[in-house]
């Protein structure tokens, strides 16, 4: 009799590893990109791309601002501190208008025998009458027909001397700086001074913290919503396998391995797309769509490795999150074979409800008590994300409490799908909550358009007068006293009404308004000398005068006397059309500059305050930066979320005996259900946009073409049709086996 073999202890790691291998095998066999799972893969792909690009955009924004800061420091002039020594270079700065664009111009003059220092981007000191301009300024001068506006164009400022490829900047050689009290320069560039005076773009268009928050709101937050939707979407076979693992006691972490093969496949494709885009951006300069901003490859290359690391890290984190969310969502106990009206109700989600209430209560106080923009941006982003995640559960809890309060087992109500023959019930509160959450996402589309456009147009409504009173055409002309007669003569030749407004330095002295009779009448004033109080001014004239005046002396005066009467006071010249039609400030400014021979600057009435607060006068493209991508992104997210919900809840349609075997009818119904909410949301957002813009398009607070509204409407319809058609076909194909 042989002795039994000695017992070998089995390591606990072996069964665990075997279980992991088995789970991965199940996941690979479950991975199918057809039908419902294919739609989930598309959702996951969009989520990976959106989250990765949002994180990379935040890092890239910091790199762009660091580059601007480096160039700004490099071209700061450094004065020679040694007394009695003649510096080799004289330096002067002036702001010159080209049309409506304000261009910083640096005048340089050789002052000694020594070789003068050169600012960055300048290969040689321009001689008197010569100019070096930035590429964007050369294009602007050619557009206005003024190629030699600053002198003979002898070359371009190099990229290392410009904060961006779109900067307007010029270096002009001169020999007349001695009379202007110039700076005596011995070198260029400061290294350690944190409060150095920038030359050129003194105030950048937006703080970098705003770019961080926008990248999060426009990319990361929609990506998280798409990620949550992708975790919900799976076919019945995958759900059954998850339920089986739950019943045999497999924990959530192990169940997440079933979703890993699909996540790896989608993540690989997304990673390849993102890295290809990064390589493309790092290889050559790219003009960003809608904004016209040129992203320089020289700025991207030094941080390309960091961007690649951020993209890879975002994919790893998003993939792990998707696996965990999929295991948690698909592992819930849910009788898939039961009827929609027989599924037991969910338990109230107290935790998410409490989180939502706390977020809504705490977030406003963070904004009030914290002055740190980074904290404000991150807290707002976190609050928005938590609100979106917790809202469906909170609504489900509310519906469940209402059902308990009323003592009803089933709250049968007909909702938006009543005309399709299926019912939404309060008994299955999760279904109601998901549909309500989807409708909420459509409301976000309209709310986003309202918030963005209110942010950029509210100051215009406060500071800019009503268009019917000023005729949509009142312009301020900034001119020296000795140029008054030239401007008035030009206005007479152009058949434009012109008045001069003289504000006396003494507070109690009246503000004098001079003009010919026809010009005064164009502003609503009578052709007679009179002293009026502010409340007595004609409406159209009151809108173009400063509100600080205690009284106003209206005095008909010939153009010859206007220049003589303007000494000892602060002068403003106001132009307007006689019939109230609009004046083109760009063309009028160019013609005025050519006719009078000086740097004419025209500014629309009421726009100065807006330009100082939000820089809207010449930066209306920010509406495109935040408005269009934000609306379209949220439209797309709403479409995908709605499709995911309909896919999950489509079994009620499948069981309808009228639809058995009618794949075409089923596909058409699903297409309509998918398409119409997105179309309504997009058209509603466009309508809100038009309503907010209506008072500002007429008074020219900013230039926003009608094509914006048309394109937004068409985009909403196209997205709705495409998503509805694809979703309807997927639903029809996925439901064939059930018939």
Foldseek 3Di string as FASTA:
>chain_A
DDDDDDDDDDDPVVVVVVLLVVLLVLLVVQDDLAFLLVLLLVLLLQLLLLQLVLLLQLVLLVLLVVLLVQLQQQAAFDFDPDPPDAFQKWWDWDWFDQQFDTAIEIEIEGTDPDDAEDGAQDPHQDAAQEKAWAPLQCVSCVVLVRNQVQGHYPYYRHPSNDSFSNFTYMYHYHDPCVVVPTGRGRHGGDDPDPDGQGGGCRDDQDDSLVSSLLSLQLGNLLSVLSLLLSLQTGFPVLLVVLQVCVVVPPDLLSNLSSNLVSLVVSLVVSLVVVLVVLVVVLVAWDQDPLQRGIRGNVSSVVCSVVSNVSSVVSSVVSSSVSSSSNSVNSNDDWPPPDDPQPTAADDQPVVLLVVLVVLVVCLVVCVVPDPDSNSNSVSVSVSVNSCLVSQLSNQLNVLVVVCVVVVHQKAWDADPCVVVPDTDISRHSSLVSLVVSLLVLLVVLQVLLLVLLCVQCVLCVVQPDFLVQQLLAKKKKDDDLVCQLVVVVVCVVVQKQKWKWWAAPDQQDAIEIEGAQLSCVLQVDHQDWDKAALVPDRRSVSQQDDPSGGIYTYHYDDSVCPSVVRPRTDMIMMIGHSVSHYDDSSVVQSVSCVRRVDRIHMDAGRLVVSCVVNNAAPNVSVCVVRPVSNSLSSLLSSLSSQLSSCLVVVVNVLPPVVCVPVLVVQLVSQLCSSQPSQLVSQLSSLVSNCVSCVRCCSSCSDDDDPVVSVVSNVSSNVSSNVSSNVSSVSSSVSSNVVD
